N, C-alpha and C. Protein backbone atom coordinates (compact mmCIF):
# COMPACT_ATOMS: atom_id res chain seq x y z
N MET A 1 -132.78 -26.64 75.32
CA MET A 1 -133.90 -26.55 76.27
C MET A 1 -134.99 -27.63 75.94
N ILE A 2 -135.49 -28.23 76.95
CA ILE A 2 -136.51 -29.22 76.73
C ILE A 2 -137.86 -28.72 76.85
N ARG A 3 -138.65 -28.87 75.78
CA ARG A 3 -140.04 -28.49 75.66
C ARG A 3 -140.97 -29.48 76.16
N LYS A 4 -142.14 -28.98 76.64
CA LYS A 4 -143.11 -29.87 77.12
C LYS A 4 -143.83 -30.42 75.88
N ARG A 5 -144.19 -31.61 75.96
CA ARG A 5 -144.91 -32.34 74.85
C ARG A 5 -146.26 -31.78 74.70
N LYS A 6 -146.73 -31.65 73.44
CA LYS A 6 -148.07 -31.13 73.19
C LYS A 6 -149.06 -32.26 73.57
N THR A 7 -150.07 -31.88 74.22
CA THR A 7 -151.12 -32.89 74.54
C THR A 7 -152.14 -32.87 73.45
N THR A 8 -152.54 -34.04 73.08
CA THR A 8 -153.50 -34.29 72.06
C THR A 8 -154.67 -35.04 72.76
N ALA A 9 -155.75 -35.00 72.04
CA ALA A 9 -156.93 -35.70 72.44
C ALA A 9 -156.55 -37.19 72.70
N LYS A 10 -156.97 -37.64 73.90
CA LYS A 10 -156.73 -39.06 74.22
C LYS A 10 -157.52 -39.97 73.38
N LYS A 11 -156.90 -41.15 72.87
CA LYS A 11 -157.58 -42.04 72.14
C LYS A 11 -158.43 -42.83 73.15
N LYS A 12 -159.72 -43.03 72.78
CA LYS A 12 -160.61 -43.80 73.62
C LYS A 12 -160.26 -45.21 73.58
N ASN A 13 -159.95 -45.86 74.76
CA ASN A 13 -159.61 -47.28 74.80
C ASN A 13 -160.96 -48.11 74.67
N ALA A 14 -160.73 -49.33 74.20
CA ALA A 14 -161.71 -50.28 74.18
C ALA A 14 -162.21 -50.57 75.56
N PRO A 15 -163.43 -50.87 75.68
CA PRO A 15 -163.81 -51.12 77.23
C PRO A 15 -163.15 -52.42 77.66
N ARG A 16 -162.70 -52.36 78.91
CA ARG A 16 -162.00 -53.48 79.49
C ARG A 16 -162.98 -54.49 79.92
N ILE A 17 -162.61 -55.76 79.67
CA ILE A 17 -163.45 -56.90 80.00
C ILE A 17 -163.07 -57.34 81.30
N LYS A 18 -163.99 -57.29 82.35
CA LYS A 18 -163.66 -57.68 83.70
C LYS A 18 -164.16 -59.05 83.90
N GLN A 19 -163.28 -59.82 84.33
CA GLN A 19 -163.61 -61.27 84.65
C GLN A 19 -163.63 -61.41 86.21
N LYS A 20 -164.48 -62.15 86.68
CA LYS A 20 -164.53 -62.46 88.14
C LYS A 20 -163.60 -63.55 88.44
N LYS A 21 -162.72 -63.46 89.40
CA LYS A 21 -161.73 -64.46 89.73
C LYS A 21 -162.49 -65.64 90.47
N VAL A 22 -162.10 -66.74 90.28
CA VAL A 22 -162.79 -68.06 90.74
C VAL A 22 -161.78 -68.99 91.34
N THR A 23 -162.15 -69.73 92.43
CA THR A 23 -161.32 -70.74 93.06
C THR A 23 -161.94 -72.06 92.98
N TYR A 24 -161.24 -73.06 92.50
CA TYR A 24 -161.77 -74.42 92.41
C TYR A 24 -160.63 -75.39 92.58
N ASP A 25 -160.90 -76.35 93.42
CA ASP A 25 -159.88 -77.37 93.82
C ASP A 25 -158.62 -76.82 94.43
N GLY A 26 -158.78 -75.66 95.09
CA GLY A 26 -157.67 -74.94 95.68
C GLY A 26 -156.81 -74.12 94.81
N ILE A 27 -157.20 -73.94 93.47
CA ILE A 27 -156.52 -73.16 92.55
C ILE A 27 -157.34 -71.98 92.10
N ASN A 28 -156.61 -70.79 92.15
CA ASN A 28 -157.18 -69.57 91.72
C ASN A 28 -157.16 -69.40 90.29
N PHE A 29 -158.32 -69.17 89.62
CA PHE A 29 -158.38 -68.91 88.27
C PHE A 29 -158.79 -67.37 88.01
N ASP A 30 -158.46 -66.97 86.85
CA ASP A 30 -158.65 -65.50 86.52
C ASP A 30 -160.10 -65.37 86.03
N SER A 31 -160.66 -66.41 85.53
CA SER A 31 -162.15 -66.34 84.98
C SER A 31 -162.85 -67.60 85.15
N GLN A 32 -164.10 -67.53 84.98
CA GLN A 32 -164.91 -68.68 84.92
C GLN A 32 -164.63 -69.65 83.77
N SER A 33 -164.20 -68.97 82.65
CA SER A 33 -163.85 -69.81 81.43
C SER A 33 -162.68 -70.59 81.63
N GLU A 34 -161.72 -69.96 82.35
CA GLU A 34 -160.46 -70.68 82.62
C GLU A 34 -160.77 -71.86 83.49
N MET A 35 -161.56 -71.77 84.47
CA MET A 35 -161.89 -72.82 85.43
C MET A 35 -162.73 -73.96 84.61
N ASN A 36 -163.56 -73.54 83.73
CA ASN A 36 -164.36 -74.50 82.92
C ASN A 36 -163.37 -75.35 82.09
N TYR A 37 -162.33 -74.74 81.53
CA TYR A 37 -161.40 -75.48 80.68
C TYR A 37 -160.64 -76.43 81.57
N TYR A 38 -160.34 -75.95 82.70
CA TYR A 38 -159.56 -76.90 83.65
C TYR A 38 -160.27 -78.07 83.89
N LYS A 39 -161.60 -77.92 84.19
CA LYS A 39 -162.55 -79.00 84.41
C LYS A 39 -162.57 -79.93 83.29
N TYR A 40 -162.70 -79.34 82.00
CA TYR A 40 -162.77 -80.05 80.71
C TYR A 40 -161.46 -80.88 80.54
N LEU A 41 -160.26 -80.22 80.89
CA LEU A 41 -159.03 -81.10 80.77
C LEU A 41 -159.05 -82.21 81.80
N GLN A 42 -159.50 -82.00 82.96
CA GLN A 42 -159.57 -83.10 84.00
C GLN A 42 -160.43 -84.27 83.55
N GLY A 43 -161.40 -84.01 82.79
CA GLY A 43 -162.25 -85.02 82.28
C GLY A 43 -161.75 -85.82 81.11
N ARG A 44 -160.77 -85.40 80.62
CA ARG A 44 -160.08 -86.12 79.36
C ARG A 44 -159.12 -87.22 79.86
N GLU A 45 -159.37 -88.34 79.33
CA GLU A 45 -158.56 -89.47 79.77
C GLU A 45 -157.10 -89.44 79.20
N ASP A 46 -156.90 -88.70 78.10
CA ASP A 46 -155.52 -88.72 77.47
C ASP A 46 -154.81 -87.62 78.14
N VAL A 47 -155.20 -86.87 79.12
CA VAL A 47 -154.38 -85.87 79.84
C VAL A 47 -153.75 -86.46 81.06
N SER A 48 -152.45 -86.51 81.14
CA SER A 48 -151.67 -87.09 82.28
C SER A 48 -151.27 -86.05 83.36
N HIS A 49 -151.06 -84.75 82.99
CA HIS A 49 -150.73 -83.75 84.03
C HIS A 49 -151.16 -82.39 83.48
N ILE A 50 -151.73 -81.56 84.38
CA ILE A 50 -152.08 -80.15 84.06
C ILE A 50 -151.30 -79.24 85.08
N GLU A 51 -150.47 -78.34 84.49
CA GLU A 51 -149.83 -77.31 85.26
C GLU A 51 -150.51 -75.95 85.10
N CYS A 52 -150.94 -75.36 86.16
CA CYS A 52 -151.68 -74.17 86.06
C CYS A 52 -150.72 -72.89 86.15
N HIS A 53 -150.98 -72.00 85.26
CA HIS A 53 -150.16 -70.71 85.34
C HIS A 53 -148.66 -70.82 85.33
N PRO A 54 -148.12 -71.59 84.41
CA PRO A 54 -146.72 -71.61 84.32
C PRO A 54 -146.14 -70.27 83.89
N SER A 55 -144.98 -69.88 84.28
CA SER A 55 -144.44 -68.57 84.06
C SER A 55 -143.25 -68.76 83.11
N TYR A 56 -143.19 -67.88 82.15
CA TYR A 56 -141.97 -67.86 81.14
C TYR A 56 -141.38 -66.48 81.08
N THR A 57 -140.11 -66.31 81.01
CA THR A 57 -139.43 -65.11 80.85
C THR A 57 -139.27 -64.88 79.33
N LEU A 58 -139.91 -63.66 78.91
CA LEU A 58 -139.71 -63.46 77.43
C LEU A 58 -138.49 -62.60 77.22
N VAL A 59 -138.32 -61.64 78.14
CA VAL A 59 -137.08 -60.81 78.11
C VAL A 59 -136.56 -60.76 79.48
N PRO A 60 -135.32 -60.99 79.79
CA PRO A 60 -134.61 -60.93 81.07
C PRO A 60 -134.56 -59.46 81.48
N SER A 61 -134.38 -59.16 82.78
CA SER A 61 -134.09 -57.83 83.10
C SER A 61 -132.64 -57.41 82.59
N PHE A 62 -132.56 -56.15 82.41
CA PHE A 62 -131.33 -55.55 81.97
C PHE A 62 -131.14 -54.11 82.25
N GLU A 63 -129.83 -53.70 82.10
CA GLU A 63 -129.44 -52.22 82.44
C GLU A 63 -129.16 -51.52 81.14
N ILE A 64 -129.48 -50.27 81.18
CA ILE A 64 -129.10 -49.36 80.05
C ILE A 64 -128.44 -48.24 80.58
N LYS A 65 -127.84 -47.46 79.72
CA LYS A 65 -127.21 -46.19 80.06
C LYS A 65 -128.28 -45.09 80.16
N SER A 66 -128.26 -44.19 81.09
CA SER A 66 -129.29 -43.22 81.17
C SER A 66 -128.67 -41.92 81.55
N SER A 67 -129.19 -40.97 80.83
CA SER A 67 -128.66 -39.46 81.12
C SER A 67 -129.55 -38.84 82.18
N ILE A 68 -130.62 -39.44 82.54
CA ILE A 68 -131.49 -38.91 83.50
C ILE A 68 -131.14 -39.19 84.98
N THR A 69 -130.76 -40.42 85.23
CA THR A 69 -130.38 -40.91 86.66
C THR A 69 -129.06 -40.44 87.11
N LYS A 70 -128.91 -40.29 88.38
CA LYS A 70 -127.64 -39.93 88.95
C LYS A 70 -126.49 -40.93 88.75
N SER A 71 -126.92 -42.15 88.75
CA SER A 71 -125.89 -43.28 88.52
C SER A 71 -125.48 -43.42 87.09
N GLY A 72 -126.27 -42.82 86.22
CA GLY A 72 -126.06 -43.03 84.79
C GLY A 72 -126.44 -44.38 84.14
N LYS A 73 -127.26 -45.08 84.97
CA LYS A 73 -127.77 -46.43 84.58
C LYS A 73 -129.27 -46.40 84.89
N SER A 74 -130.04 -47.16 84.21
CA SER A 74 -131.42 -47.45 84.35
C SER A 74 -131.76 -48.89 84.29
N LYS A 75 -132.38 -49.45 85.41
CA LYS A 75 -132.67 -50.90 85.33
C LYS A 75 -133.99 -51.14 84.78
N LYS A 76 -134.13 -52.12 83.79
CA LYS A 76 -135.39 -52.43 83.23
C LYS A 76 -135.73 -53.84 83.79
N THR A 77 -137.07 -54.01 84.18
CA THR A 77 -137.43 -55.25 84.65
C THR A 77 -137.76 -56.25 83.57
N SER A 78 -137.70 -57.52 83.96
CA SER A 78 -137.91 -58.58 82.93
C SER A 78 -139.35 -58.49 82.49
N MET A 79 -139.62 -59.19 81.34
CA MET A 79 -140.98 -59.27 80.77
C MET A 79 -141.41 -60.68 80.80
N LYS A 80 -142.45 -61.08 81.53
CA LYS A 80 -142.77 -62.40 81.66
C LYS A 80 -144.18 -62.61 81.02
N PHE A 81 -144.43 -63.86 80.66
CA PHE A 81 -145.71 -64.28 80.09
C PHE A 81 -146.22 -65.51 80.93
N THR A 82 -147.42 -65.44 81.30
CA THR A 82 -147.99 -66.53 82.14
C THR A 82 -149.23 -67.04 81.38
N PRO A 83 -149.16 -68.05 80.61
CA PRO A 83 -150.32 -68.65 80.06
C PRO A 83 -151.11 -69.47 81.07
N ASP A 84 -152.31 -69.83 80.65
CA ASP A 84 -153.19 -70.53 81.68
C ASP A 84 -152.77 -71.83 82.09
N PHE A 85 -152.45 -72.74 81.22
CA PHE A 85 -151.97 -74.10 81.44
C PHE A 85 -150.92 -74.71 80.58
N LYS A 86 -150.21 -75.51 81.10
CA LYS A 86 -149.19 -76.48 80.40
C LYS A 86 -149.83 -77.86 80.62
N VAL A 87 -150.19 -78.39 79.43
CA VAL A 87 -150.89 -79.74 79.47
C VAL A 87 -149.92 -80.82 78.88
N THR A 88 -149.70 -81.88 79.75
CA THR A 88 -148.96 -82.98 79.24
C THR A 88 -149.97 -84.21 79.01
N TYR A 89 -149.88 -84.74 77.80
CA TYR A 89 -150.71 -85.89 77.41
C TYR A 89 -150.07 -87.20 77.64
N SER A 90 -150.84 -88.22 77.76
CA SER A 90 -150.40 -89.62 77.96
C SER A 90 -149.35 -90.11 76.90
N ASP A 91 -149.38 -89.53 75.75
CA ASP A 91 -148.44 -89.96 74.66
C ASP A 91 -147.21 -89.12 74.72
N GLY A 92 -147.03 -88.19 75.71
CA GLY A 92 -145.79 -87.47 75.87
C GLY A 92 -145.83 -86.03 75.31
N ARG A 93 -146.94 -85.83 74.47
CA ARG A 93 -147.16 -84.44 73.90
C ARG A 93 -147.36 -83.50 74.96
N VAL A 94 -146.76 -82.19 74.79
CA VAL A 94 -147.02 -81.15 75.66
C VAL A 94 -147.53 -79.92 74.94
N GLU A 95 -148.63 -79.35 75.45
CA GLU A 95 -149.22 -78.12 74.95
C GLU A 95 -149.27 -77.03 75.90
N VAL A 96 -149.07 -75.79 75.61
CA VAL A 96 -149.20 -74.64 76.42
C VAL A 96 -150.45 -73.96 75.80
N VAL A 97 -151.40 -73.66 76.77
CA VAL A 97 -152.65 -73.29 76.44
C VAL A 97 -153.09 -71.88 77.14
N ASP A 98 -153.61 -70.95 76.43
CA ASP A 98 -154.31 -69.76 76.99
C ASP A 98 -155.79 -69.71 76.67
N VAL A 99 -156.55 -69.49 77.64
CA VAL A 99 -158.01 -69.61 77.51
C VAL A 99 -158.53 -68.15 77.47
N LYS A 100 -159.46 -67.93 76.46
CA LYS A 100 -160.09 -66.62 76.26
C LYS A 100 -161.50 -66.88 76.26
N GLY A 101 -162.24 -66.05 77.13
CA GLY A 101 -163.64 -66.19 77.20
C GLY A 101 -164.41 -65.97 75.84
N HIS A 102 -163.78 -65.00 75.08
CA HIS A 102 -164.44 -64.73 73.73
C HIS A 102 -163.19 -63.97 73.04
N LYS A 103 -163.40 -63.88 71.66
CA LYS A 103 -162.36 -63.08 70.85
C LYS A 103 -162.07 -61.77 71.28
N LYS A 104 -163.11 -61.00 71.80
CA LYS A 104 -162.96 -59.59 72.33
C LYS A 104 -161.98 -59.55 73.51
N ALA A 105 -161.74 -60.71 74.10
CA ALA A 105 -160.82 -60.70 75.34
C ALA A 105 -159.38 -60.71 74.92
N ILE A 106 -159.11 -60.87 73.62
CA ILE A 106 -157.61 -60.71 73.13
C ILE A 106 -157.32 -59.36 72.97
N ASN A 107 -156.54 -58.80 73.95
CA ASN A 107 -156.22 -57.44 73.91
C ASN A 107 -154.97 -57.11 72.94
N GLU A 108 -154.69 -55.85 72.73
CA GLU A 108 -153.66 -55.48 71.71
C GLU A 108 -152.40 -55.99 71.99
N GLY A 109 -151.94 -56.24 73.27
CA GLY A 109 -150.60 -56.68 73.62
C GLY A 109 -150.46 -58.26 73.37
N PHE A 110 -151.53 -58.92 73.42
CA PHE A 110 -151.40 -60.40 73.40
C PHE A 110 -150.70 -60.93 72.08
N PRO A 111 -151.06 -60.54 70.86
CA PRO A 111 -150.39 -61.15 69.73
C PRO A 111 -148.90 -60.93 69.76
N LEU A 112 -148.34 -59.92 70.33
CA LEU A 112 -146.91 -59.72 70.39
C LEU A 112 -146.31 -60.70 71.52
N ARG A 113 -146.98 -60.81 72.62
CA ARG A 113 -146.47 -61.79 73.61
C ARG A 113 -146.55 -63.24 73.10
N LYS A 114 -147.66 -63.52 72.35
CA LYS A 114 -147.80 -64.85 71.85
C LYS A 114 -146.73 -65.16 70.78
N LYS A 115 -146.41 -64.13 69.89
CA LYS A 115 -145.42 -64.43 68.88
C LYS A 115 -144.05 -64.49 69.52
N LEU A 116 -143.77 -63.65 70.52
CA LEU A 116 -142.47 -63.78 71.27
C LEU A 116 -142.21 -65.07 71.93
N TRP A 117 -143.30 -65.56 72.57
CA TRP A 117 -143.29 -66.73 73.37
C TRP A 117 -143.07 -67.96 72.28
N GLU A 118 -143.69 -68.01 71.19
CA GLU A 118 -143.55 -69.09 70.24
C GLU A 118 -142.19 -68.96 69.59
N TYR A 119 -141.62 -67.84 69.42
CA TYR A 119 -140.20 -67.71 68.87
C TYR A 119 -139.30 -68.35 69.90
N LEU A 120 -139.37 -67.98 71.10
CA LEU A 120 -138.40 -68.37 72.09
C LEU A 120 -138.56 -69.83 72.41
N ASN A 121 -139.66 -70.43 72.28
CA ASN A 121 -139.96 -71.76 72.83
C ASN A 121 -140.14 -72.72 71.53
N LYS A 122 -140.16 -72.25 70.35
CA LYS A 122 -140.31 -73.04 69.11
C LYS A 122 -141.44 -74.03 69.25
N GLN A 123 -142.56 -73.60 69.79
CA GLN A 123 -143.74 -74.24 69.96
C GLN A 123 -145.00 -73.43 69.83
N GLU A 124 -146.04 -73.99 69.39
CA GLU A 124 -147.26 -73.16 69.16
C GLU A 124 -147.97 -72.94 70.50
N LEU A 125 -148.36 -71.76 70.75
CA LEU A 125 -149.20 -71.41 71.91
C LEU A 125 -150.61 -71.67 71.47
N ILE A 126 -151.35 -72.46 72.15
CA ILE A 126 -152.71 -72.75 71.82
C ILE A 126 -153.67 -71.78 72.46
N VAL A 127 -154.56 -71.12 71.68
CA VAL A 127 -155.49 -70.32 72.26
C VAL A 127 -156.81 -70.91 72.08
N VAL A 128 -157.52 -71.12 73.21
CA VAL A 128 -158.90 -71.74 73.10
C VAL A 128 -159.97 -70.74 73.55
N ILE A 129 -161.10 -70.84 72.81
CA ILE A 129 -162.27 -70.03 73.12
C ILE A 129 -163.39 -70.77 73.13
N TRP A 130 -164.36 -70.59 74.12
CA TRP A 130 -165.64 -71.23 74.23
C TRP A 130 -166.56 -70.71 73.04
N ASP A 131 -167.11 -71.65 72.35
CA ASP A 131 -168.03 -71.22 71.22
C ASP A 131 -169.36 -71.56 71.71
N LYS A 132 -170.14 -70.58 71.99
CA LYS A 132 -171.50 -70.75 72.54
C LYS A 132 -172.42 -71.55 71.49
N LYS A 133 -172.28 -71.22 70.24
CA LYS A 133 -173.12 -71.79 69.23
C LYS A 133 -172.84 -73.21 69.10
N LEU A 134 -171.66 -73.67 68.99
CA LEU A 134 -171.27 -74.98 68.90
C LEU A 134 -171.21 -75.77 70.28
N GLY A 135 -171.23 -75.01 71.36
CA GLY A 135 -171.19 -75.68 72.70
C GLY A 135 -169.87 -76.48 72.98
N GLU A 136 -168.76 -75.95 72.42
CA GLU A 136 -167.44 -76.63 72.69
C GLU A 136 -166.36 -75.66 72.55
N TRP A 137 -165.23 -76.14 73.01
CA TRP A 137 -164.02 -75.29 72.96
C TRP A 137 -163.36 -75.39 71.60
N THR A 138 -163.09 -74.19 70.99
CA THR A 138 -162.39 -74.04 69.70
C THR A 138 -161.01 -73.50 69.82
N ARG A 139 -160.22 -73.97 68.90
CA ARG A 139 -158.82 -73.39 68.96
C ARG A 139 -158.76 -72.33 67.87
N SER A 140 -158.08 -71.26 68.21
CA SER A 140 -158.02 -70.09 67.18
C SER A 140 -156.59 -69.72 67.06
């Protein structure tokens, strides 16, 4: 016999940070910070190409056996990661960058996605945050 799971008091989630979507140069950005970093990259002479929102598959879709479904199978969707920018520099160097408005914008799932992406791509994922005190972009 299957018993109903006991309900426990729900853990209060951290307040979600809502960012206003912005369009610039015909490109949709998820936040003002993201658009500002794009403008910063455009102003750099050593940047030869900026790709916005490249998509990477972290885990491909797959099927598992299931005792619940009629077919006995359950399909699981793929897990994708979409950083903000893929930047190519004039010296041939390529960096993949994710922009955060501030450190509080790094949610609990991000460190796992970051680590998985770095493992699969054998490359560091650069996270940039605008530092108001310094008035510049900092890497973290």
